[in-house]
Structures are given as C-alpha cells and as structure tokens.
Amino acid sequence: MLTQVFDWAHAHPGIIGVVVASSLLLALAYAALIFFAITRMSPDYFVRDNASLGSWRHRHPALRFATHAVKNLLGAFLLLMGIAMLVLPGQGILTMLIGISLLDFPGKRTLEKKIVCHPSVHRAIDKIRQRAGHPPLVLPK
C-alpha cells in the first residue's frame, strides 16, 4: 500500500510541489495570524469581566449578525485546526485558544482562563508578546 503512495507521488511531482508550497504558505500565514491576534490582545483581557460593547459592530442589526456569524465560523475553523494540531505540527493549544475566544457559548470565559493559566500556554503567549514589545498577560488569580 505504501509503495503505491510513493509511486503515485513520483508520477505526479507537480501536484506534490503545489501541495508542499501551499502548506508552507499557509503555515507562514497562520503564524502571522497567531502573532497578530496575541499581540493585539489587551494584557488584562483575562481578568476583565466582559468585553466592551461600544464597538461599531453593535450599531446596526445586520452588521451585528454578519459579524457574529463570520466570527463564529472563523472560531469553529480555528478550534478544529487546533485540535488537528495536537497531533500535527503547529501551535495546537494556542490555535484552540484563539478559536475559542472567537466563539460565543456559555462558559467561554471560564474555559479561556483555564487554558491560558496552563504554564506552557502562558509562557508561549508571553514570549510572543515580549518579541512584539508588549507587556505580558495579567492572569486571574
């Protein structure tokens, strides 16, 4: 069975090249997305009771619905990608945390706090924030 896979890959080098190049491009784009999301996060995000509701998306019902739908779809996608990255290369836990932060469901803040308080996750986030020149996260007690 494995020899058939290798034979197919040898017979289709163009497809393999496109898949490898696409994977590398997606990995770079994803790393940039994680870096952007973590550095844009307020240092006190996890100790505040709730997010501010005064943003522009809360002014019009259609815009609020569209933003809510897109945000939840992106969150579900990132959560699934994070779960896959637990066994594949990538930052699985951080990806799941970003996905969860985009989703809206009861108990979300509690789950976010539990994940971010894990020492390895907190260290990774603070390392990214330090590289960007931002202060470390303030964790709940």
Protein backbone atom coordinates (compact mmCIF):
# COMPACT_ATOMS: atom_id res chain seq x y z
CA MET A 1 0.00 0.00 0.00
CA LEU A 2 2.77 2.45 0.94
CA THR A 3 4.63 1.69 -2.28
CA GLN A 4 1.53 2.71 -4.26
CA VAL A 5 1.51 6.06 -2.50
CA PHE A 6 5.20 6.60 -3.27
CA ASP A 7 4.66 5.53 -6.89
CA TRP A 8 1.78 7.99 -7.24
CA ALA A 9 3.84 10.80 -5.67
CA HIS A 10 6.76 10.00 -8.01
CA ALA A 11 4.41 10.10 -11.02
CA HIS A 12 2.86 13.45 -10.01
CA PRO A 13 5.70 15.77 -8.90
CA GLY A 14 3.76 18.91 -9.90
CA ILE A 15 0.87 18.13 -7.57
CA ILE A 16 3.25 17.30 -4.73
CA GLY A 17 5.10 20.60 -5.31
CA VAL A 18 1.86 22.60 -5.21
CA VAL A 19 0.74 20.84 -2.02
CA VAL A 20 4.11 21.44 -0.30
CA ALA A 21 4.25 25.10 -1.40
CA SER A 22 0.64 25.65 -0.29
CA SER A 23 1.35 24.04 3.08
CA LEU A 24 4.37 26.26 3.65
CA LEU A 25 2.45 29.38 2.60
CA LEU A 26 -0.45 28.50 4.91
CA ALA A 27 1.95 27.81 7.79
CA LEU A 28 3.54 31.26 7.35
CA ALA A 29 0.16 32.98 7.07
CA TYR A 30 -1.08 31.13 10.12
CA ALA A 31 2.00 32.05 12.16
CA ALA A 32 1.41 35.70 11.24
CA LEU A 33 -2.26 35.40 12.26
CA ILE A 34 -1.37 33.94 15.66
CA PHE A 35 1.27 36.64 16.20
CA PHE A 36 -1.22 39.37 15.26
CA ALA A 37 -4.01 38.01 17.46
CA ILE A 38 -1.82 37.56 20.54
CA THR A 39 -0.12 40.94 20.24
CA ARG A 40 -3.45 42.76 19.73
CA MET A 41 -4.92 41.18 22.86
CA SER A 42 -5.17 43.53 25.81
CA PRO A 43 -2.88 42.48 28.71
CA ASP A 44 -5.89 42.46 31.06
CA TYR A 45 -8.17 40.51 28.69
CA PHE A 46 -8.41 37.51 31.04
CA VAL A 47 -9.04 39.49 34.24
CA ARG A 48 -11.79 41.75 32.87
CA ASP A 49 -15.36 40.60 33.49
CA ASN A 50 -16.53 41.13 29.92
CA ALA A 51 -15.58 42.81 26.67
CA SER A 52 -16.70 46.35 25.89
CA LEU A 53 -19.91 46.59 23.93
CA GLY A 54 -19.35 50.06 22.50
CA SER A 55 -17.76 48.97 19.25
CA TRP A 56 -19.03 49.85 15.76
CA ARG A 57 -20.47 46.40 15.04
CA HIS A 58 -23.18 46.81 17.69
CA ARG A 59 -24.80 49.78 15.96
CA HIS A 60 -26.66 48.05 13.12
CA PRO A 61 -28.52 44.70 13.49
CA ALA A 62 -27.49 43.36 10.06
CA LEU A 63 -23.85 44.23 10.67
CA ARG A 64 -24.04 42.68 14.15
CA PHE A 65 -25.49 39.45 12.72
CA ALA A 66 -22.92 39.26 9.90
CA THR A 67 -20.04 39.92 12.30
CA HIS A 68 -21.37 37.34 14.74
CA ALA A 69 -21.73 34.69 12.00
CA VAL A 70 -18.28 35.29 10.48
CA LYS A 71 -16.62 35.41 13.90
CA ASN A 72 -18.20 32.12 14.98
CA LEU A 73 -17.37 30.38 11.69
CA LEU A 74 -13.74 31.50 11.94
CA GLY A 75 -13.65 30.45 15.59
CA ALA A 76 -15.03 26.98 14.77
CA PHE A 77 -12.48 26.59 11.97
CA LEU A 78 -9.58 27.60 14.23
CA LEU A 79 -10.81 25.31 17.00
CA LEU A 80 -10.87 22.36 14.59
CA MET A 81 -7.43 23.31 13.25
CA GLY A 82 -6.12 23.50 16.82
CA ILE A 83 -7.48 20.06 17.62
CA ALA A 84 -5.77 18.71 14.49
CA MET A 85 -2.53 20.43 15.51
CA LEU A 86 -2.48 18.47 18.75
CA VAL A 87 -1.24 15.56 16.64
CA LEU A 88 0.10 17.52 13.63
CA PRO A 89 2.84 20.18 13.61
CA GLY A 90 1.69 23.57 14.84
CA GLN A 91 0.62 25.52 17.89
CA GLY A 92 -2.46 23.46 18.73
CA ILE A 93 -3.28 24.87 22.16
CA LEU A 94 -2.75 28.49 21.09
CA THR A 95 -4.87 27.92 17.98
CA MET A 96 -7.63 26.39 20.06
CA LEU A 97 -7.47 29.35 22.48
CA ILE A 98 -7.83 31.85 19.63
CA GLY A 99 -10.70 29.81 18.15
CA ILE A 100 -12.46 29.61 21.50
CA SER A 101 -12.03 33.36 22.01
CA LEU A 102 -13.89 33.97 18.73
CA LEU A 103 -16.77 31.62 19.53
CA ASP A 104 -19.80 32.64 21.59
CA PHE A 105 -21.05 29.98 24.02
CA PRO A 106 -21.90 29.76 27.74
CA GLY A 107 -18.84 29.22 29.93
CA LYS A 108 -16.42 30.57 27.32
CA ARG A 109 -14.55 32.90 29.68
CA THR A 110 -14.05 30.13 32.24
CA LEU A 111 -12.62 27.79 29.59
CA GLU A 112 -10.35 30.52 28.18
CA LYS A 113 -8.98 31.29 31.64
CA LYS A 114 -8.37 27.61 32.36
CA ILE A 115 -6.41 27.17 29.12
CA VAL A 116 -4.37 30.36 29.39
CA CYS A 117 -3.42 29.64 33.01
CA HIS A 118 -1.63 26.47 31.91
CA PRO A 119 2.08 27.32 32.40
CA SER A 120 3.27 26.28 28.92
CA VAL A 121 0.49 28.23 27.19
CA HIS A 122 1.09 31.31 29.33
CA ARG A 123 4.84 31.12 28.65
CA ALA A 124 4.30 30.83 24.89
CA ILE A 125 1.89 33.77 24.80
CA ASP A 126 4.18 35.97 26.90
CA LYS A 127 7.16 35.07 24.71
CA ILE A 128 5.24 36.19 21.61
CA ARG A 129 4.11 39.40 23.34
CA GLN A 130 7.68 40.11 24.53
CA ARG A 131 9.02 39.79 20.96
CA ALA A 132 6.44 42.33 19.83
CA GLY A 133 7.34 44.73 22.65
CA HIS A 134 4.04 44.29 24.50
CA PRO A 135 3.61 43.69 28.24
CA PRO A 136 2.87 40.15 29.47
CA LEU A 137 -0.66 38.98 30.13
CA VAL A 138 -2.20 39.55 33.54
CA LEU A 139 -3.69 36.24 34.69
CA PRO A 140 -6.65 35.73 37.01
CA LYS A 141 -5.85 34.56 40.50
